[in-house]
N, C-alpha and C. Protein backbone atom coordinates (compact mmCIF):
# COMPACT_ATOMS: atom_id res chain seq x y z
N MET A 1 57.20 79.74 176.48
CA MET A 1 58.35 79.21 176.06
C MET A 1 59.32 79.89 174.76
N ARG A 2 58.66 78.74 173.78
CA ARG A 2 59.20 78.89 172.53
C ARG A 2 58.42 80.02 171.76
N ASN A 3 57.61 80.43 172.19
CA ASN A 3 56.96 81.53 171.33
C ASN A 3 58.21 83.19 171.78
N ASN A 4 58.49 83.11 173.06
CA ASN A 4 59.56 83.75 173.34
C ASN A 4 61.03 83.89 172.61
N ARG A 5 61.41 82.94 172.31
CA ARG A 5 62.31 82.46 171.65
C ARG A 5 62.21 82.74 170.29
N LYS A 6 61.11 82.46 169.81
CA LYS A 6 60.67 83.02 168.18
C LYS A 6 61.06 84.61 168.38
N GLU A 7 59.99 84.85 169.31
CA GLU A 7 60.29 86.74 169.47
C GLU A 7 61.65 86.96 169.27
N MET A 8 62.22 86.39 170.07
CA MET A 8 63.91 86.88 170.49
C MET A 8 64.67 86.88 168.93
N PHE A 9 64.57 85.57 168.25
CA PHE A 9 65.17 85.51 167.11
C PHE A 9 64.76 86.11 166.10
N SER A 10 63.56 86.23 165.98
CA SER A 10 62.89 86.93 164.75
C SER A 10 63.54 88.44 164.75
N PHE A 11 63.17 88.68 163.33
CA PHE A 11 63.39 90.09 162.90
C PHE A 11 62.50 90.76 161.79
N ASN A 12 62.04 91.45 162.07
CA ASN A 12 60.85 91.89 160.80
C ASN A 12 61.46 93.37 160.75
N PRO A 13 62.41 93.67 159.13
CA PRO A 13 62.54 95.38 159.20
C PRO A 13 61.65 96.03 158.74
N PRO A 14 61.96 97.11 159.30
CA PRO A 14 60.47 98.03 158.96
C PRO A 14 60.23 98.57 157.82
N LYS A 15 59.20 98.62 157.63
CA LYS A 15 59.11 98.76 156.47
C LYS A 15 58.85 100.37 155.56
N PRO A 16 59.43 100.37 154.55
CA PRO A 16 59.51 101.97 154.31
C PRO A 16 58.51 102.76 154.42
N PRO A 17 58.53 104.05 154.83
CA PRO A 17 57.47 105.06 154.65
C PRO A 17 57.19 105.11 153.23
N PRO A 18 56.25 105.24 152.70
CA PRO A 18 55.73 105.54 151.23
C PRO A 18 56.04 107.05 150.35
N THR A 19 56.29 106.31 149.22
CA THR A 19 57.38 107.60 148.91
C THR A 19 55.94 109.02 148.36
N PRO A 20 56.20 109.88 148.37
CA PRO A 20 55.23 110.94 148.10
C PRO A 20 55.22 110.83 146.47
N GLU A 21 54.05 111.66 145.65
CA GLU A 21 53.91 111.68 144.76
C GLU A 21 55.01 112.74 143.94
N GLY A 22 55.33 112.23 142.91
CA GLY A 22 56.82 112.86 142.05
C GLY A 22 58.00 112.76 142.79
N ASP A 23 58.28 112.07 143.58
CA ASP A 23 59.37 111.92 144.19
C ASP A 23 59.70 110.05 143.46
N LYS A 24 60.84 110.41 142.73
CA LYS A 24 61.49 109.24 141.98
C LYS A 24 62.39 108.64 142.55
N ARG A 25 62.42 107.18 142.95
CA ARG A 25 63.48 106.83 143.38
C ARG A 25 64.32 105.74 142.37
N VAL A 26 65.50 105.58 142.26
CA VAL A 26 66.02 105.11 141.15
C VAL A 26 66.29 103.60 141.59
N PHE A 27 66.92 103.54 142.73
CA PHE A 27 67.80 102.34 143.50
C PHE A 27 66.81 101.63 144.59
N MET A 28 66.93 103.14 145.55
CA MET A 28 66.39 102.22 146.89
C MET A 28 65.14 103.04 147.33
N ASN A 29 64.33 102.97 148.35
CA ASN A 29 63.49 103.03 148.89
C ASN A 29 64.04 104.48 149.54
N ASP A 30 64.72 104.12 150.36
CA ASP A 30 65.26 104.92 151.31
C ASP A 30 65.91 106.61 150.67
N PRO A 31 65.21 107.87 150.55
CA PRO A 31 65.87 108.89 149.68
C PRO A 31 67.21 109.10 149.83
N ASP A 32 68.00 109.23 151.33
CA ASP A 32 69.20 109.20 151.41
C ASP A 32 69.84 108.11 151.01
N MET A 33 69.81 107.10 150.78
CA MET A 33 70.27 106.11 150.42
C MET A 33 70.64 105.95 148.76
N ASP A 34 69.34 106.30 148.45
CA ASP A 34 69.17 106.35 146.68
C ASP A 34 69.97 107.15 146.15
N LYS A 35 70.13 108.82 147.04
CA LYS A 35 71.08 109.38 146.48
C LYS A 35 72.94 109.34 146.38
N ILE A 36 73.18 108.58 147.54
CA ILE A 36 74.29 108.16 147.50
C ILE A 36 74.53 107.01 146.64
N ALA A 37 73.41 106.14 146.23
CA ALA A 37 73.78 105.20 145.41
C ALA A 37 73.97 105.94 143.72
N VAL A 38 73.02 106.46 143.72
CA VAL A 38 73.23 107.53 142.06
C VAL A 38 74.26 108.25 142.40
N HIS A 39 74.67 108.93 143.17
CA HIS A 39 76.34 109.61 143.11
C HIS A 39 77.15 108.27 142.70
N LEU A 40 76.83 107.36 143.44
CA LEU A 40 78.12 106.47 143.33
C LEU A 40 78.27 105.74 141.65
N VAL A 41 77.21 105.36 141.42
CA VAL A 41 77.05 104.93 139.84
C VAL A 41 77.34 105.98 139.27
N GLY A 42 76.73 106.88 139.19
CA GLY A 42 76.95 108.17 138.02
C GLY A 42 75.96 108.88 137.64
N THR A 43 76.09 110.04 136.65
CA THR A 43 74.83 110.33 136.23
C THR A 43 74.24 109.87 135.37
N GLN A 44 72.68 110.04 135.57
CA GLN A 44 72.03 109.21 134.71
C GLN A 44 71.68 110.28 133.38
N GLN A 45 72.17 111.04 132.98
CA GLN A 45 72.04 112.01 131.84
C GLN A 45 72.98 111.40 131.04
N ARG A 46 72.90 111.65 129.41
CA ARG A 46 73.66 111.02 128.68
C ARG A 46 73.95 111.92 127.37
N PHE A 47 75.01 112.12 126.41
CA PHE A 47 75.39 112.98 125.90
C PHE A 47 74.18 112.99 124.42
N ARG A 48 74.37 111.38 124.31
CA ARG A 48 73.37 111.15 123.52
C ARG A 48 72.71 109.84 123.99
N GLU A 49 71.39 109.65 123.17
CA GLU A 49 70.53 108.51 123.59
C GLU A 49 70.73 107.41 123.45
N ASN A 50 71.18 106.61 124.05
CA ASN A 50 71.18 105.03 123.54
C ASN A 50 72.41 104.69 122.73
N ILE A 51 73.72 105.39 123.48
CA ILE A 51 75.02 105.24 122.74
C ILE A 51 75.82 104.51 123.37
N ILE A 52 76.93 103.91 123.01
CA ILE A 52 77.86 103.46 123.64
C ILE A 52 79.29 104.17 123.20
N ILE A 53 80.11 104.81 123.33
CA ILE A 53 81.18 105.26 122.67
C ILE A 53 82.35 103.89 123.47
N PRO A 54 83.06 103.54 122.20
CA PRO A 54 84.11 102.57 122.63
C PRO A 54 85.28 103.46 122.92
N ARG A 55 86.01 103.05 124.04
CA ARG A 55 87.31 103.79 124.21
C ARG A 55 88.64 102.55 123.91
N VAL A 56 88.96 102.98 123.00
CA VAL A 56 90.43 102.21 122.34
C VAL A 56 91.90 102.75 122.89
N MET A 57 91.90 103.82 122.64
CA MET A 57 93.11 104.58 122.61
C MET A 57 92.62 106.02 123.40
N GLY A 58 93.19 106.56 124.21
CA GLY A 58 92.71 108.11 124.71
C GLY A 58 91.87 108.14 125.14
N PRO A 59 91.05 109.59 125.85
CA PRO A 59 90.24 110.22 126.26
C PRO A 59 88.86 109.94 125.17
N VAL A 60 87.96 109.89 125.58
CA VAL A 60 86.77 109.65 124.39
C VAL A 60 86.03 111.20 124.54
N ARG A 61 86.07 111.35 122.96
CA ARG A 61 85.94 112.63 122.64
C ARG A 61 84.58 112.93 121.79
N ILE A 62 83.44 113.57 122.36
CA ILE A 62 82.04 113.79 121.77
C ILE A 62 82.55 114.79 120.53
N LYS A 63 81.84 114.71 119.52
CA LYS A 63 81.89 115.61 118.65
C LYS A 63 80.78 116.43 118.58
N THR A 64 81.23 118.17 118.62
CA THR A 64 80.41 119.02 118.63
C THR A 64 79.33 119.22 117.40
N ASN A 65 78.62 120.08 117.65
CA ASN A 65 77.53 120.18 116.37
C ASN A 65 78.14 120.66 115.47
N ASP A 66 79.06 121.63 115.45
CA ASP A 66 79.66 122.22 114.24
C ASP A 66 80.62 120.94 113.41
N GLU A 67 80.98 120.35 113.82
CA GLU A 67 81.85 119.34 113.54
C GLU A 67 81.10 118.10 112.98
N LYS A 68 79.93 117.86 113.65
CA LYS A 68 78.45 116.91 113.14
C LYS A 68 77.94 117.46 111.90
N LEU A 69 77.58 119.02 111.84
CA LEU A 69 77.15 119.88 110.69
C LEU A 69 78.65 119.48 109.82
N MET A 70 79.60 119.74 109.56
CA MET A 70 80.31 119.69 108.48
C MET A 70 80.85 118.34 108.02
N GLU A 71 80.61 117.45 108.92
CA GLU A 71 80.77 116.22 108.58
C GLU A 71 79.60 115.32 107.63
N SER A 72 78.50 115.94 108.19
CA SER A 72 76.95 115.93 107.34
C SER A 72 76.91 116.32 105.71
N VAL A 73 77.77 117.61 105.85
CA VAL A 73 78.15 118.35 104.50
C VAL A 73 79.10 117.47 103.71
N MET A 74 80.11 117.04 104.34
CA MET A 74 81.04 116.42 103.45
C MET A 74 80.80 115.11 102.92
N GLU A 75 79.93 114.49 103.45
CA GLU A 75 79.23 113.18 103.09
C GLU A 75 77.76 113.56 102.28
N SER A 76 77.72 114.49 102.16
CA SER A 76 76.18 114.51 100.83
C SER A 76 76.73 114.34 99.69
N CYS A 77 75.52 113.97 99.17
CA CYS A 77 75.88 113.80 97.47
C CYS A 77 76.43 114.77 96.71
N ILE A 78 75.81 116.17 97.23
CA ILE A 78 76.09 117.51 96.52
C ILE A 78 77.75 117.68 96.49
N PHE A 79 78.18 117.71 97.78
CA PHE A 79 79.58 117.95 98.21
C PHE A 79 80.21 116.83 97.31
N LYS A 80 79.92 115.57 97.30
CA LYS A 80 80.76 114.69 96.66
C LYS A 80 80.69 114.52 94.97
N SER A 81 79.71 114.98 94.34
CA SER A 81 80.06 115.28 93.02
C SER A 81 80.42 116.61 92.57
N PHE A 82 80.50 117.52 93.82
CA PHE A 82 81.21 118.56 93.11
C PHE A 82 82.65 118.46 93.25
N MET A 83 83.23 117.44 94.06
CA MET A 83 84.74 117.76 94.69
C MET A 83 84.99 116.55 93.03
N SER A 84 84.10 115.59 93.22
CA SER A 84 84.44 114.51 91.49
C SER A 84 84.58 115.35 90.18
N CYS A 85 83.84 116.55 90.46
CA CYS A 85 83.64 117.33 89.14
C CYS A 85 85.18 117.97 89.26
N VAL A 86 85.55 118.70 90.42
CA VAL A 86 86.70 119.32 90.21
C VAL A 86 87.94 118.35 90.30
N MET A 87 87.90 117.45 90.54
CA MET A 87 89.15 116.46 90.01
C MET A 87 89.12 115.82 89.35
N GLY A 88 87.80 115.83 88.41
CA GLY A 88 87.86 115.19 86.97
C GLY A 88 88.43 116.26 86.02
N TYR A 89 88.11 117.57 86.27
CA TYR A 89 88.54 118.50 85.36
C TYR A 89 89.87 118.45 85.58
N GLY A 90 90.43 118.24 86.82
CA GLY A 90 92.31 118.67 87.09
C GLY A 90 92.73 117.18 85.98
N LEU A 91 92.27 116.31 86.15
CA LEU A 91 92.72 114.92 85.90
C LEU A 91 92.68 115.20 84.67
N GLY A 92 91.62 115.61 83.88
CA GLY A 92 91.16 115.59 82.39
C GLY A 92 92.09 116.97 81.95
N ALA A 93 92.15 117.73 82.31
CA ALA A 93 93.52 118.73 81.89
C ALA A 93 94.75 118.33 81.86
N ALA A 94 94.87 117.69 82.52
CA ALA A 94 96.52 116.74 82.68
C ALA A 94 96.65 116.26 81.81
N ILE A 95 95.53 114.96 81.48
CA ILE A 95 95.60 114.01 80.49
C ILE A 95 95.79 114.63 78.85
N GLY A 96 94.99 115.95 79.06
CA GLY A 96 94.37 116.77 77.49
C GLY A 96 95.89 117.25 77.30
N LEU A 97 96.50 117.71 78.66
CA LEU A 97 98.00 118.71 77.98
C LEU A 97 98.83 117.83 77.78
N PHE A 98 98.74 116.53 77.99
CA PHE A 98 99.94 115.48 77.90
C PHE A 98 99.68 115.02 76.47
N SER A 99 98.45 114.82 76.31
CA SER A 99 98.27 114.07 74.71
C SER A 99 97.99 114.98 73.82
N SER A 100 97.90 116.57 73.84
CA SER A 100 98.37 117.24 73.14
C SER A 100 99.42 117.58 72.71
N SER A 101 100.65 117.64 73.46
CA SER A 101 101.87 118.02 73.56
C SER A 101 102.60 116.75 72.94
N VAL A 102 102.18 115.61 72.86
CA VAL A 102 102.76 114.39 72.17
C VAL A 102 102.57 114.10 71.29
N ASN A 103 101.12 114.49 70.62
CA ASN A 103 100.54 113.82 69.61
C ASN A 103 99.65 115.43 69.28
N PRO A 104 100.12 116.44 68.48
CA PRO A 104 99.73 117.29 68.16
C PRO A 104 99.22 117.20 66.70
N ASN A 105 97.88 118.04 66.34
CA ASN A 105 97.31 117.90 65.21
C ASN A 105 98.07 118.57 64.05
N VAL A 106 98.59 117.60 63.05
CA VAL A 106 99.13 118.00 62.06
C VAL A 106 98.28 118.85 61.00
N ALA A 107 99.18 119.99 60.59
CA ALA A 107 98.47 121.03 59.72
C ALA A 107 98.68 120.86 58.38
N SER A 108 98.26 121.40 57.38
CA SER A 108 98.41 120.94 55.95
C SER A 108 100.09 121.24 55.89
N VAL A 109 100.10 120.61 54.65
CA VAL A 109 101.78 121.05 54.41
C VAL A 109 101.96 122.21 53.63
N GLU A 110 101.03 122.76 53.38
CA GLU A 110 101.34 123.79 52.83
C GLU A 110 101.38 125.27 53.61
N LYS A 111 100.74 124.97 54.66
CA LYS A 111 100.85 126.17 55.89
C LYS A 111 101.51 125.74 56.74
N GLN A 112 102.53 126.40 57.31
CA GLN A 112 103.05 126.01 58.98
C GLN A 112 102.43 126.55 59.87
N GLN A 113 102.52 125.93 60.94
CA GLN A 113 101.76 126.40 61.93
C GLN A 113 102.82 127.45 62.84
N THR A 114 101.95 128.48 63.47
CA THR A 114 103.17 129.44 64.13
C THR A 114 102.71 128.68 65.55
N ALA A 115 103.58 129.42 66.53
CA ALA A 115 103.99 128.84 68.08
C ALA A 115 102.18 129.29 68.63
N ARG A 116 101.43 130.43 68.14
CA ARG A 116 100.17 130.78 68.87
C ARG A 116 99.07 130.04 68.38
N GLU A 117 99.44 129.36 67.24
CA GLU A 117 98.32 128.16 66.45
C GLU A 117 98.26 127.23 67.52
N ILE A 118 99.66 126.49 67.77
CA ILE A 118 99.78 125.34 68.37
C ILE A 118 99.28 125.38 69.84
N PHE A 119 99.33 126.28 70.32
CA PHE A 119 99.13 126.76 71.70
C PHE A 119 97.59 126.83 71.74
N LYS A 120 97.11 127.35 70.83
CA LYS A 120 95.74 127.33 70.68
C LYS A 120 95.17 126.17 70.62
N GLU A 121 95.38 125.30 69.74
CA GLU A 121 95.08 123.95 69.31
C GLU A 121 95.30 122.95 71.29
N MET A 122 96.53 123.40 71.54
CA MET A 122 96.85 122.89 73.03
C MET A 122 95.39 123.60 73.99
N LYS A 123 94.95 124.33 73.93
CA LYS A 123 94.18 124.65 74.75
C LYS A 123 92.85 124.08 74.78
N MET A 124 92.57 124.16 73.38
CA MET A 124 91.10 123.42 73.13
C MET A 124 91.08 121.63 73.32
N THR A 125 92.05 121.36 73.28
CA THR A 125 92.28 119.91 73.73
C THR A 125 92.43 119.77 74.90
N THR A 126 93.10 120.37 76.06
CA THR A 126 93.14 120.03 77.06
C THR A 126 91.78 120.62 78.00
N LEU A 127 90.86 121.52 77.35
CA LEU A 127 89.74 121.99 77.75
C LEU A 127 88.86 121.10 77.47
N GLY A 128 88.82 120.47 76.28
CA GLY A 128 87.87 119.38 76.20
C GLY A 128 87.97 118.16 76.57
N TYR A 129 89.17 117.86 77.29
CA TYR A 129 89.60 116.39 77.82
C TYR A 129 89.05 116.98 79.55
N ALA A 130 89.22 118.39 79.62
CA ALA A 130 88.95 118.41 81.23
C ALA A 130 87.56 118.35 81.34
N LYS A 131 86.50 119.11 80.45
CA LYS A 131 85.15 119.02 80.30
C LYS A 131 84.44 117.80 80.28
N ASN A 132 84.90 117.08 79.61
CA ASN A 132 84.67 115.32 79.82
C ASN A 132 84.59 114.85 80.66
N PHE A 133 86.05 114.71 81.62
CA PHE A 133 86.38 113.98 82.40
C PHE A 133 85.48 114.59 83.90
N ALA A 134 85.15 115.80 83.83
CA ALA A 134 84.56 116.63 84.68
C ALA A 134 82.92 116.33 85.23
N VAL A 135 82.48 115.72 83.55
CA VAL A 135 80.93 115.81 83.62
C VAL A 135 81.07 114.13 84.00
N VAL A 136 82.32 113.24 83.79
CA VAL A 136 81.96 111.90 83.96
C VAL A 136 81.84 111.67 85.44
N GLY A 137 82.79 111.99 86.44
CA GLY A 137 83.43 112.26 87.19
C GLY A 137 81.74 112.98 88.38
N CYS A 138 81.65 113.88 87.67
CA CYS A 138 80.24 114.43 88.32
C CYS A 138 79.15 113.18 88.65
N VAL A 139 78.82 113.03 87.08
CA VAL A 139 77.40 112.21 86.73
C VAL A 139 77.63 110.62 87.96
N PHE A 140 78.99 109.86 87.38
CA PHE A 140 79.38 108.71 88.25
C PHE A 140 79.04 109.37 89.78
N SER A 141 79.51 109.98 90.42
CA SER A 141 79.46 110.23 91.53
C SER A 141 78.25 110.54 92.44
N ALA A 142 77.35 111.15 91.54
CA ALA A 142 75.78 111.61 91.99
C ALA A 142 75.10 110.01 91.87
N VAL A 143 75.02 109.33 90.93
CA VAL A 143 74.34 108.10 90.54
C VAL A 143 74.74 107.14 91.97
N GLU A 144 76.33 106.80 92.14
CA GLU A 144 76.43 106.38 93.17
C GLU A 144 75.71 106.56 94.47
N CYS A 145 76.18 108.04 94.63
CA CYS A 145 75.91 108.12 96.17
C CYS A 145 74.22 108.38 96.11
N THR A 146 73.50 108.19 95.28
CA THR A 146 71.93 108.08 95.18
C THR A 146 71.91 106.72 95.36
N ILE A 147 72.47 106.02 94.69
CA ILE A 147 72.18 104.49 95.00
C ILE A 147 72.53 103.64 95.96
N GLU A 148 73.59 104.95 96.61
CA GLU A 148 74.13 103.82 97.95
C GLU A 148 73.06 104.42 98.94
N THR A 149 72.51 105.98 98.94
CA THR A 149 71.68 106.39 99.67
C THR A 149 70.17 105.47 99.65
N TYR A 150 69.87 105.23 98.28
CA TYR A 150 68.67 104.30 98.67
C TYR A 150 68.71 103.01 99.08
N ARG A 151 70.00 102.42 98.74
CA ARG A 151 69.96 100.86 98.98
C ARG A 151 70.22 100.69 100.48
N GLY A 152 70.97 101.77 101.27
CA GLY A 152 71.44 101.82 102.39
C GLY A 152 72.75 101.02 102.55
N LYS A 153 73.36 100.48 101.67
CA LYS A 153 74.54 99.39 101.67
C LYS A 153 75.86 100.46 100.80
N SER A 154 76.96 99.73 101.71
CA SER A 154 78.13 100.48 100.59
C SER A 154 78.92 99.17 99.86
N ASP A 155 78.66 98.42 99.11
CA ASP A 155 79.41 97.28 98.06
C ASP A 155 79.82 97.85 96.93
N TRP A 156 80.04 96.86 96.08
CA TRP A 156 80.56 96.82 95.04
C TRP A 156 79.33 96.89 94.43
N ARG A 157 78.50 96.69 94.60
CA ARG A 157 77.10 96.99 93.44
C ARG A 157 76.98 98.23 93.15
N ASN A 158 77.04 98.80 94.09
CA ASN A 158 76.94 100.61 93.72
C ASN A 158 77.77 101.05 92.65
N GLY A 159 78.97 100.77 92.82
CA GLY A 159 79.65 101.36 91.45
C GLY A 159 79.41 100.71 90.03
N THR A 160 79.09 99.39 90.54
CA THR A 160 78.65 98.80 89.15
C THR A 160 77.82 99.33 88.53
N TYR A 161 76.49 99.83 88.90
CA TYR A 161 75.26 100.24 88.66
C TYR A 161 75.42 101.63 88.14
N ALA A 162 76.21 102.27 88.86
CA ALA A 162 76.62 103.92 88.54
C ALA A 162 77.33 103.69 87.40
N GLY A 163 78.35 102.78 86.97
CA GLY A 163 78.97 102.85 86.14
C GLY A 163 78.15 102.76 84.50
N GLY A 164 77.25 101.56 85.13
CA GLY A 164 76.44 101.21 84.02
C GLY A 164 75.58 102.46 83.45
N VAL A 165 74.58 103.41 84.61
CA VAL A 165 73.97 104.15 83.96
C VAL A 165 75.11 105.37 83.64
N THR A 166 75.98 105.66 83.68
CA THR A 166 77.24 106.52 83.11
C THR A 166 77.61 106.06 81.93
N GLY A 167 77.76 105.18 81.70
CA GLY A 167 78.02 104.56 80.46
C GLY A 167 77.15 104.83 79.64
N GLY A 168 75.75 104.10 79.95
CA GLY A 168 74.91 104.17 78.86
C GLY A 168 74.25 105.66 78.89
N LEU A 169 74.36 106.78 79.90
CA LEU A 169 74.02 108.03 79.35
C LEU A 169 74.91 108.41 78.36
N ILE A 170 75.86 108.59 78.38
CA ILE A 170 77.26 109.10 77.75
C ILE A 170 77.07 108.51 76.50
N GLY A 171 77.06 107.15 76.58
CA GLY A 171 76.78 106.16 74.73
C GLY A 171 75.78 106.93 74.28
N LEU A 172 74.87 107.19 74.85
CA LEU A 172 73.22 107.34 74.15
C LEU A 172 73.47 108.97 73.23
N ARG A 173 74.52 109.30 73.40
CA ARG A 173 74.34 110.69 72.14
C ARG A 173 75.15 109.80 70.69
N ALA A 174 75.55 108.76 71.07
CA ALA A 174 75.87 108.09 69.81
C ALA A 174 74.70 107.08 69.14
N GLY A 175 73.58 106.89 70.16
CA GLY A 175 72.55 105.97 69.78
C GLY A 175 72.18 104.96 70.49
N LEU A 176 71.54 104.08 70.76
CA LEU A 176 70.81 102.94 71.49
C LEU A 176 72.13 102.27 71.58
N LYS A 177 72.83 101.52 70.44
CA LYS A 177 73.69 100.48 70.71
C LYS A 177 74.94 101.01 71.44
N ALA A 178 75.10 102.04 71.15
CA ALA A 178 76.57 102.60 71.42
C ALA A 178 76.38 102.95 72.71
N GLY A 179 74.98 103.18 73.58
CA GLY A 179 74.77 103.69 74.79
C GLY A 179 74.58 101.95 75.61
N LEU A 180 74.08 100.96 74.79
CA LEU A 180 74.21 99.86 75.47
C LEU A 180 75.59 99.28 75.46
N VAL A 181 76.46 99.46 75.14
CA VAL A 181 77.75 99.04 74.86
C VAL A 181 78.81 100.13 75.85
N GLY A 182 78.08 101.35 76.09
CA GLY A 182 78.83 102.23 76.64
C GLY A 182 78.55 101.68 78.36
N ALA A 183 77.25 101.37 78.29
CA ALA A 183 77.01 101.02 79.83
C ALA A 183 77.72 99.50 80.26
N ALA A 184 77.55 98.60 79.20
CA ALA A 184 78.53 97.33 79.65
C ALA A 184 79.87 97.10 80.17
N GLY A 185 80.12 98.18 79.39
CA GLY A 185 81.85 98.56 79.21
C GLY A 185 82.28 99.02 80.59
N PHE A 186 81.44 100.53 80.79
CA PHE A 186 81.58 100.92 82.17
C PHE A 186 81.18 100.54 83.32
N ALA A 187 80.53 99.77 83.74
CA ALA A 187 80.15 98.79 84.27
C ALA A 187 81.14 97.78 84.59
N ALA A 188 81.36 97.28 83.71
CA ALA A 188 82.65 96.43 83.39
C ALA A 188 83.57 96.64 84.33
N PHE A 189 84.26 98.08 83.76
CA PHE A 189 85.18 98.60 84.38
C PHE A 189 85.40 99.02 85.85
N SER A 190 84.26 99.79 86.37
CA SER A 190 83.91 100.20 87.45
C SER A 190 83.85 98.95 88.59
N THR A 191 83.52 97.80 88.02
CA THR A 191 83.57 96.43 89.16
C THR A 191 84.81 96.35 89.04
N ALA A 192 86.03 96.14 88.33
CA ALA A 192 86.95 95.54 88.19
C ALA A 192 88.10 96.48 88.92
N ILE A 193 87.53 97.95 89.09
CA ILE A 193 88.59 98.85 89.70
C ILE A 193 87.58 98.53 91.24
N ASP A 194 86.80 98.89 91.71
CA ASP A 194 86.30 98.35 92.93
C ASP A 194 86.57 97.21 93.44
N TYR A 195 86.44 96.00 92.83
CA TYR A 195 87.01 94.85 92.95
C TYR A 195 88.75 94.81 93.56
N TYR A 196 89.21 95.61 92.65
CA TYR A 196 91.11 96.05 92.91
C TYR A 196 91.46 96.64 94.04
N MET A 197 90.40 97.71 94.26
CA MET A 197 90.47 98.81 95.54
C MET A 197 90.19 98.06 96.53
N HIS A 198 89.26 97.06 96.67
CA HIS A 198 89.05 96.33 98.09
C HIS A 198 89.83 95.28 98.54
N LYS A 199 90.24 94.39 97.61
CA LYS A 199 91.46 93.74 97.55
C LYS A 199 92.72 94.08 97.74
N SER A 200 93.17 95.02 97.50
CA SER A 200 94.41 95.97 97.44
C SER A 200 94.18 96.55 99.31
């Protein structure tokens, strides 16, 4: 009698059939239930491997290959150096033009300068300032980008090291002592500017 009661209330679920080779299941052994579960949970394919895109505002947008290529080009050291060279040239030209117009070269008293000679001197002064600023900007940006790529960090030390190298290279034209002074001065100036930019 007891054995009959045990048989009545005992339930042994049937064992699932063995899965054939090549048939991969994700959640359940039953192929139909597994398809339903995969459909409800979502697709297993990802646009990128092991990445989670946080959704803050608006729909999540995946960058295209062209956008990623353009972003990598704009973040390259060559592009940064070129842009710093162009911006330094423009800034130097503006400062040179202002300096030559405010404080022109004084000619000899016997000879009075013509307007053509004044414009020629202003042009030479402006181009000199522009070239110097372009070289400084290009060297500083290239050295800073190279140091940042090597260190793998973006902090104030990159600007300090780049300022020291740039100031040293510029000052070496006047001698070793001038190179050391230029390296120390440019490094201190770069550190102060970077500190001010991060704190403001």
